[in-house]
Amino acid sequence: MRYTLAGFVIVVLACMSCGLFSYLTFGSSIQSIVLFNLPSDDPVSVGTKLCYFFTIMGSYVILIQPVFSLIESKKWYTDSTFAYKFSIIRISVVLATIYISTCLPDIHIVLSLSGSVTGTLISVVLPVLFYNKAYSQSNYDTSFEYGR
């Protein structure tokens, strides 16, 4: 419990210091995405933006796999004998994603919302579910006793 609390304190302090230093560096004209504040002619900022780009592209491949798996498990997909359905479906999903992202003027709001929801899910809800699943059929006492 003590190490968990220390971990939370360290993460909160790191996030707060990042926000504080960003505000001190860029002032009240800071944009919601800090990368937009970086100069476009500096090689370090261009490298930072490229790393951010490759991170987004790499994470998209991972995040879109459940969508493809869901589509490809449907009966209408498995019963079809059309040879190019795999490529057409996947390209269509990617193009639909690109279309939706270009139609939204403030995509950073959607990204912030989805990031906060999935971040909470990953860091708070899923560990509890995994713990309960792992110890649900064991003789290990899973109840917490406070005041010891």
Protein backbone atom coordinates (compact mmCIF):
# COMPACT_ATOMS: atom_id res chain seq x y z
CA MET A 1 0.00 0.00 0.00
CA ARG A 2 2.84 2.35 0.87
CA TYR A 3 4.61 1.72 -2.46
CA THR A 4 1.41 2.26 -4.41
CA LEU A 5 0.85 5.58 -2.72
CA ALA A 6 4.46 6.57 -3.38
CA GLY A 7 4.00 5.62 -7.05
CA PHE A 8 0.87 7.75 -7.35
CA VAL A 9 2.61 10.70 -5.71
CA ILE A 10 5.57 10.40 -8.11
CA VAL A 11 3.29 10.24 -11.17
CA VAL A 12 1.20 13.20 -10.00
CA LEU A 13 4.30 15.27 -9.29
CA ALA A 14 5.77 14.40 -12.68
CA CYS A 15 2.56 15.42 -14.48
CA MET A 16 2.23 18.60 -12.47
CA SER A 17 5.83 19.58 -13.10
CA CYS A 18 5.44 18.94 -16.82
CA GLY A 19 2.38 21.18 -16.92
CA LEU A 20 4.05 23.84 -14.81
CA PHE A 21 7.21 23.96 -16.93
CA SER A 22 5.14 24.02 -20.12
CA TYR A 23 3.17 26.97 -18.81
CA LEU A 24 6.31 28.76 -17.63
CA THR A 25 7.96 28.18 -21.01
CA PHE A 26 5.09 29.13 -23.32
CA GLY A 27 2.99 31.39 -21.08
CA SER A 28 -0.76 31.83 -21.28
CA SER A 29 -0.72 31.35 -25.05
CA ILE A 30 0.04 27.65 -24.68
CA GLN A 31 -1.94 25.40 -27.00
CA SER A 32 -3.65 22.22 -25.89
CA ILE A 33 -1.07 20.05 -27.64
CA VAL A 34 2.37 21.15 -26.47
CA LEU A 35 3.99 20.05 -29.75
CA PHE A 36 2.15 22.86 -31.55
CA ASN A 37 4.13 25.37 -29.46
CA LEU A 38 7.51 24.10 -30.57
CA PRO A 39 9.36 26.00 -33.32
CA SER A 40 9.12 24.44 -36.76
CA ASP A 41 12.72 25.18 -37.83
CA ASP A 42 14.54 23.64 -34.86
CA PRO A 43 15.93 20.13 -35.61
CA VAL A 44 15.20 18.91 -32.07
CA SER A 45 11.54 19.94 -32.26
CA VAL A 46 11.22 18.40 -35.74
CA GLY A 47 12.68 15.17 -34.36
CA THR A 48 10.28 15.31 -31.42
CA LYS A 49 7.33 15.77 -33.76
CA LEU A 50 8.49 12.86 -35.93
CA CYS A 51 8.78 10.61 -32.88
CA TYR A 52 5.26 11.64 -31.84
CA PHE A 53 4.02 10.88 -35.37
CA PHE A 54 5.56 7.39 -35.37
CA THR A 55 4.16 6.72 -31.90
CA ILE A 56 0.65 7.59 -33.07
CA MET A 57 1.02 5.51 -36.24
CA GLY A 58 2.36 2.54 -34.29
CA SER A 59 -0.33 2.69 -31.66
CA TYR A 60 -3.06 2.94 -34.33
CA VAL A 61 -2.00 -0.44 -35.69
CA ILE A 62 -2.36 -1.98 -32.24
CA LEU A 63 -5.63 -0.25 -31.37
CA ILE A 64 -7.39 -1.06 -34.64
CA GLN A 65 -6.76 -4.83 -34.40
CA PRO A 66 -9.82 -5.56 -32.19
CA VAL A 67 -12.01 -3.77 -34.74
CA PHE A 68 -10.63 -5.89 -37.55
CA SER A 69 -11.01 -9.03 -35.47
CA LEU A 70 -14.62 -8.19 -34.70
CA ILE A 71 -15.46 -7.52 -38.35
CA GLU A 72 -13.64 -10.61 -39.60
CA SER A 73 -15.47 -12.89 -37.13
CA LYS A 74 -18.92 -11.98 -38.48
CA LYS A 75 -20.88 -14.57 -40.44
CA TRP A 76 -21.29 -12.39 -43.53
CA TYR A 77 -17.50 -12.00 -43.67
CA THR A 78 -16.59 -15.67 -43.17
CA ASP A 79 -19.25 -16.97 -45.59
CA SER A 80 -18.17 -14.71 -48.43
CA THR A 81 -15.94 -16.13 -51.17
CA PHE A 82 -14.84 -12.74 -52.49
CA ALA A 83 -11.05 -12.83 -52.84
CA TYR A 84 -10.21 -9.23 -51.93
CA LYS A 85 -12.55 -8.78 -48.96
CA PHE A 86 -9.66 -8.75 -46.47
CA SER A 87 -7.94 -5.82 -48.17
CA ILE A 88 -11.13 -3.92 -49.00
CA ILE A 89 -12.52 -4.12 -45.47
CA ARG A 90 -9.27 -3.07 -43.84
CA ILE A 91 -8.65 -0.20 -46.26
CA SER A 92 -12.25 0.96 -45.81
CA VAL A 93 -11.90 1.04 -42.02
CA VAL A 94 -8.67 3.03 -42.25
CA LEU A 95 -10.20 5.47 -44.76
CA ALA A 96 -13.27 5.89 -42.54
CA THR A 97 -10.97 6.69 -39.61
CA ILE A 98 -9.09 9.26 -41.69
CA TYR A 99 -12.37 10.82 -42.87
CA ILE A 100 -13.79 11.09 -39.36
CA SER A 101 -10.57 12.58 -37.99
CA THR A 102 -10.43 15.23 -40.73
CA CYS A 103 -14.09 16.15 -40.27
CA LEU A 104 -13.68 16.88 -36.58
CA PRO A 105 -12.23 20.37 -36.17
CA ASP A 106 -11.02 19.80 -32.59
CA ILE A 107 -9.73 16.25 -32.72
CA HIS A 108 -7.58 16.90 -29.66
CA ILE A 109 -10.75 17.06 -27.53
CA VAL A 110 -11.74 13.58 -28.70
CA LEU A 111 -8.21 12.30 -28.13
CA SER A 112 -8.11 13.80 -24.64
CA LEU A 113 -11.47 12.27 -23.75
CA SER A 114 -10.61 8.84 -25.10
CA GLY A 115 -7.18 8.99 -23.46
CA SER A 116 -8.63 9.85 -20.06
CA VAL A 117 -11.29 7.14 -20.28
CA THR A 118 -8.92 4.41 -21.43
CA GLY A 119 -6.20 5.60 -19.05
CA THR A 120 -8.58 5.26 -16.12
CA LEU A 121 -9.74 1.89 -17.38
CA ILE A 122 -6.19 0.59 -17.77
CA SER A 123 -4.80 1.95 -14.52
CA VAL A 124 -7.74 1.56 -12.13
CA VAL A 125 -10.40 -0.87 -13.36
CA LEU A 126 -8.46 -3.57 -15.19
CA PRO A 127 -5.94 -4.34 -12.39
CA VAL A 128 -8.82 -5.01 -10.01
CA LEU A 129 -10.56 -7.25 -12.55
CA PHE A 130 -7.33 -9.13 -13.26
CA TYR A 131 -6.67 -9.57 -9.55
CA ASN A 132 -10.17 -10.87 -8.93
CA LYS A 133 -9.91 -13.25 -11.90
CA ALA A 134 -6.50 -14.53 -10.84
CA TYR A 135 -7.50 -15.25 -7.23
CA SER A 136 -11.17 -16.12 -7.68
CA GLN A 137 -10.65 -19.89 -7.56
CA SER A 138 -7.81 -20.09 -5.08
CA ASN A 139 -7.79 -20.59 -1.35
CA TYR A 140 -5.94 -17.32 -0.94
CA ASP A 141 -7.81 -14.80 1.22
CA THR A 142 -8.71 -11.97 -1.15
CA SER A 143 -10.45 -9.82 1.42
CA PHE A 144 -8.66 -6.76 2.70
CA GLU A 145 -8.30 -6.31 6.42
CA TYR A 146 -7.77 -2.76 7.57
CA GLY A 147 -6.37 -1.70 10.90
CA ARG A 148 -3.78 -4.41 11.27
